[in-house]
Amino acid sequence: MKRRIARFLEEFIVIFGYGTGLFMAVGFNPQEGVLQGAEVFIETILPDPLVRFGVALVLLILLVISVRKAFATGGPAGIFAIVMGLLAGLSTTITPLVGLGMLALALITGYVAVWGWRIR
């Protein structure tokens, strides 16, 4: 059961990386839009610069935790699969066939990474 959940998470992360790459290729970064909206919301409620620093610190900690968890789940091959998914999304607008092929390879790599890597 634990491996099935880990495999699903790895595939979801690869697909999410593909979507992010696709959005970036067309000139829109969804993460930037969400972060800008959150920044305006936080500045409206609490304009203190210390609060902005605290939010940035929390986001940095969450990023480190997510990368560490992805590495613990899939190892170096899992990280490679995520990066390949992002690059597949970026290349889809230039050559769709190559982008979809890279996405398929990224999903296979993520599947193999989770299946073969010991989950801690």
C-alpha atoms as a PDB file:
ATOM      1  CA  MET A   1       0.000   0.000   0.000  1.00  0.00           C
ATOM      2  CA  LYS A   2       2.817   2.363   0.877  1.00  0.00           C
ATOM      3  CA  ARG A   3       4.515   1.797  -2.504  1.00  0.00           C
ATOM      4  CA  ARG A   4       1.258   2.374  -4.374  1.00  0.00           C
ATOM      5  CA  ILE A   5       0.787   5.752  -2.688  1.00  0.00           C
ATOM      6  CA  ALA A   6       4.428   6.664  -3.301  1.00  0.00           C
ATOM      7  CA  ARG A   7       4.126   5.681  -6.967  1.00  0.00           C
ATOM      8  CA  PHE A   8       0.951   7.765  -7.343  1.00  0.00           C
ATOM      9  CA  LEU A   9       2.650  10.758  -5.720  1.00  0.00           C
ATOM     10  CA  GLU A  10       5.695  10.444  -7.985  1.00  0.00           C
ATOM     11  CA  GLU A  11       3.508  10.267 -11.109  1.00  0.00           C
ATOM     12  CA  PHE A  12       1.416  13.196  -9.874  1.00  0.00           C
ATOM     13  CA  ILE A  13       4.552  15.265  -9.286  1.00  0.00           C
ATOM     14  CA  VAL A  14       5.854  14.430 -12.772  1.00  0.00           C
ATOM     15  CA  ILE A  15       2.509  15.453 -14.322  1.00  0.00           C
ATOM     16  CA  PHE A  16       2.513  18.619 -12.202  1.00  0.00           C
ATOM     17  CA  GLY A  17       6.030  19.395 -13.450  1.00  0.00           C
ATOM     18  CA  TYR A  18       4.823  18.832 -17.015  1.00  0.00           C
ATOM     19  CA  GLY A  19       1.923  21.235 -16.492  1.00  0.00           C
ATOM     20  CA  THR A  20       4.215  23.849 -14.968  1.00  0.00           C
ATOM     21  CA  GLY A  21       6.605  23.509 -17.910  1.00  0.00           C
ATOM     22  CA  LEU A  22       3.713  23.840 -20.351  1.00  0.00           C
ATOM     23  CA  PHE A  23       2.456  26.994 -18.642  1.00  0.00           C
ATOM     24  CA  MET A  24       5.964  28.448 -18.573  1.00  0.00           C
ATOM     25  CA  ALA A  25       6.362  27.718 -22.291  1.00  0.00           C
ATOM     26  CA  VAL A  26       3.300  29.806 -23.115  1.00  0.00           C
ATOM     27  CA  GLY A  27       4.492  32.612 -20.858  1.00  0.00           C
ATOM     28  CA  PHE A  28       2.467  32.113 -17.683  1.00  0.00           C
ATOM     29  CA  ASN A  29       3.870  30.865 -14.407  1.00  0.00           C
ATOM     30  CA  PRO A  30       0.967  29.736 -12.195  1.00  0.00           C
ATOM     31  CA  GLN A  31       3.127  29.585  -9.078  1.00  0.00           C
ATOM     32  CA  GLU A  32       4.101  33.215  -9.523  1.00  0.00           C
ATOM     33  CA  GLY A  33       0.442  34.243  -9.810  1.00  0.00           C
ATOM     34  CA  VAL A  34      -0.493  32.389  -6.645  1.00  0.00           C
ATOM     35  CA  LEU A  35       2.465  33.798  -4.726  1.00  0.00           C
ATOM     36  CA  GLN A  36       1.715  37.358  -5.868  1.00  0.00           C
ATOM     37  CA  GLY A  37      -1.910  36.983  -4.775  1.00  0.00           C
ATOM     38  CA  ALA A  38      -0.828  35.635  -1.404  1.00  0.00           C
ATOM     39  CA  GLU A  39       1.686  38.468  -1.019  1.00  0.00           C
ATOM     40  CA  VAL A  40      -0.961  41.126  -1.671  1.00  0.00           C
ATOM     41  CA  PHE A  41      -3.296  39.399   0.797  1.00  0.00           C
ATOM     42  CA  ILE A  42      -0.650  39.223   3.519  1.00  0.00           C
ATOM     43  CA  GLU A  43       0.466  42.840   2.964  1.00  0.00           C
ATOM     44  CA  THR A  44      -3.133  44.001   3.260  1.00  0.00           C
ATOM     45  CA  ILE A  45      -3.708  42.213   6.557  1.00  0.00           C
ATOM     46  CA  LEU A  46      -0.257  42.580   8.137  1.00  0.00           C
ATOM     47  CA  PRO A  47       2.013  45.125   6.429  1.00  0.00           C
ATOM     48  CA  ASP A  48       4.953  44.326   8.739  1.00  0.00           C
ATOM     49  CA  PRO A  49       8.120  43.298   6.790  1.00  0.00           C
ATOM     50  CA  LEU A  50       8.854  40.688   9.452  1.00  0.00           C
ATOM     51  CA  VAL A  51       5.649  38.870   8.486  1.00  0.00           C
ATOM     52  CA  ARG A  52       6.744  38.814   4.822  1.00  0.00           C
ATOM     53  CA  PHE A  53      10.087  37.376   5.898  1.00  0.00           C
ATOM     54  CA  GLY A  54       8.311  34.725   7.981  1.00  0.00           C
ATOM     55  CA  VAL A  55       6.109  33.714   5.052  1.00  0.00           C
ATOM     56  CA  ALA A  56       9.162  33.488   2.760  1.00  0.00           C
ATOM     57  CA  LEU A  57      10.933  31.371   5.358  1.00  0.00           C
ATOM     58  CA  VAL A  58       7.955  29.010   5.666  1.00  0.00           C
ATOM     59  CA  LEU A  59       7.814  28.652   1.875  1.00  0.00           C
ATOM     60  CA  LEU A  60      11.528  27.887   1.751  1.00  0.00           C
ATOM     61  CA  ILE A  61      11.161  25.251   4.467  1.00  0.00           C
ATOM     62  CA  LEU A  62       8.246  23.658   2.578  1.00  0.00           C
ATOM     63  CA  LEU A  63      10.328  23.572  -0.602  1.00  0.00           C
ATOM     64  CA  VAL A  64      13.209  21.847   1.178  1.00  0.00           C
ATOM     65  CA  ILE A  65      10.836  19.326   2.753  1.00  0.00           C
ATOM     66  CA  SER A  66       9.155  18.527  -0.574  1.00  0.00           C
ATOM     67  CA  VAL A  67      12.464  18.048  -2.411  1.00  0.00           C
ATOM     68  CA  ARG A  68      13.768  15.859   0.410  1.00  0.00           C
ATOM     69  CA  LYS A  69      10.575  13.782   0.402  1.00  0.00           C
ATOM     70  CA  ALA A  70      10.738  13.403  -3.396  1.00  0.00           C
ATOM     71  CA  PHE A  71      14.346  12.247  -3.077  1.00  0.00           C
ATOM     72  CA  ALA A  72      13.469   9.826  -0.271  1.00  0.00           C
ATOM     73  CA  THR A  73      10.611   8.419  -2.354  1.00  0.00           C
ATOM     74  CA  GLY A  74      12.291   8.118  -5.736  1.00  0.00           C
ATOM     75  CA  GLY A  75      15.971   8.774  -5.205  1.00  0.00           C
ATOM     76  CA  PRO A  76      18.059  10.478  -7.880  1.00  0.00           C
ATOM     77  CA  ALA A  77      15.996   8.848 -10.627  1.00  0.00           C
ATOM     78  CA  GLY A  78      12.843  10.365  -9.128  1.00  0.00           C
ATOM     79  CA  ILE A  79      14.342  13.854  -9.152  1.00  0.00           C
ATOM     80  CA  PHE A  80      15.489  13.223 -12.743  1.00  0.00           C
ATOM     81  CA  ALA A  81      11.933  12.194 -13.672  1.00  0.00           C
ATOM     82  CA  ILE A  82      10.511  15.411 -12.208  1.00  0.00           C
ATOM     83  CA  VAL A  83      13.026  17.554 -14.103  1.00  0.00           C
ATOM     84  CA  MET A  84      12.346  15.569 -17.282  1.00  0.00           C
ATOM     85  CA  GLY A  85       8.611  16.220 -16.833  1.00  0.00           C
ATOM     86  CA  LEU A  86       9.273  19.948 -16.560  1.00  0.00           C
ATOM     87  CA  LEU A  87      11.457  19.895 -19.681  1.00  0.00           C
ATOM     88  CA  ALA A  88       8.800  17.871 -21.509  1.00  0.00           C
ATOM     89  CA  GLY A  89       6.259  20.572 -20.748  1.00  0.00           C
ATOM     90  CA  LEU A  90       8.627  23.256 -21.974  1.00  0.00           C
ATOM     91  CA  SER A  91       9.299  21.420 -25.233  1.00  0.00           C
ATOM     92  CA  THR A  92       5.671  20.510 -25.976  1.00  0.00           C
ATOM     93  CA  THR A  93       4.899  23.863 -27.586  1.00  0.00           C
ATOM     94  CA  ILE A  94       7.914  23.550 -29.909  1.00  0.00           C
ATOM     95  CA  THR A  95       7.539  19.896 -30.911  1.00  0.00           C
ATOM     96  CA  PRO A  96       4.507  18.201 -29.363  1.00  0.00           C
ATOM     97  CA  LEU A  97       5.568  14.683 -30.304  1.00  0.00           C
ATOM     98  CA  VAL A  98       8.957  15.056 -28.608  1.00  0.00           C
ATOM     99  CA  GLY A  99       7.332  16.640 -25.544  1.00  0.00           C
ATOM    100  CA  LEU A 100       4.835  13.812 -25.170  1.00  0.00           C
ATOM    101  CA  GLY A 101       7.592  11.250 -25.687  1.00  0.00           C
ATOM    102  CA  MET A 102       9.654  12.909 -22.970  1.00  0.00           C
ATOM    103  CA  LEU A 103       6.585  12.891 -20.707  1.00  0.00           C
ATOM    104  CA  ALA A 104       6.150   9.159 -21.280  1.00  0.00           C
ATOM    105  CA  LEU A 105       9.831   8.571 -20.468  1.00  0.00           C
ATOM    106  CA  ALA A 106       9.522  10.742 -17.355  1.00  0.00           C
ATOM    107  CA  LEU A 107       6.517   8.743 -16.151  1.00  0.00           C
ATOM    108  CA  ILE A 108       8.301   5.455 -16.795  1.00  0.00           C
ATOM    109  CA  THR A 109      11.413   6.735 -15.012  1.00  0.00           C
ATOM    110  CA  GLY A 110       9.299   7.885 -12.060  1.00  0.00           C
ATOM    111  CA  TYR A 111       7.522   4.529 -11.912  1.00  0.00           C
ATOM    112  CA  VAL A 112      10.794   2.608 -11.984  1.00  0.00           C
ATOM    113  CA  ALA A 113      12.372   4.984  -9.466  1.00  0.00           C
ATOM    114  CA  VAL A 114       9.619   4.462  -6.928  1.00  0.00           C
ATOM    115  CA  TRP A 115       9.353   0.738  -7.585  1.00  0.00           C
ATOM    116  CA  GLY A 116      13.078   0.141  -7.288  1.00  0.00           C
ATOM    117  CA  TRP A 117      14.005   2.663  -4.603  1.00  0.00           C
ATOM    118  CA  ARG A 118      13.605   1.688  -0.957  1.00  0.00           C
ATOM    119  CA  ILE A 119      10.996   3.859   0.737  1.00  0.00           C
ATOM    120  CA  ARG A 120      12.144   5.169   4.081  1.00  0.00           C
END
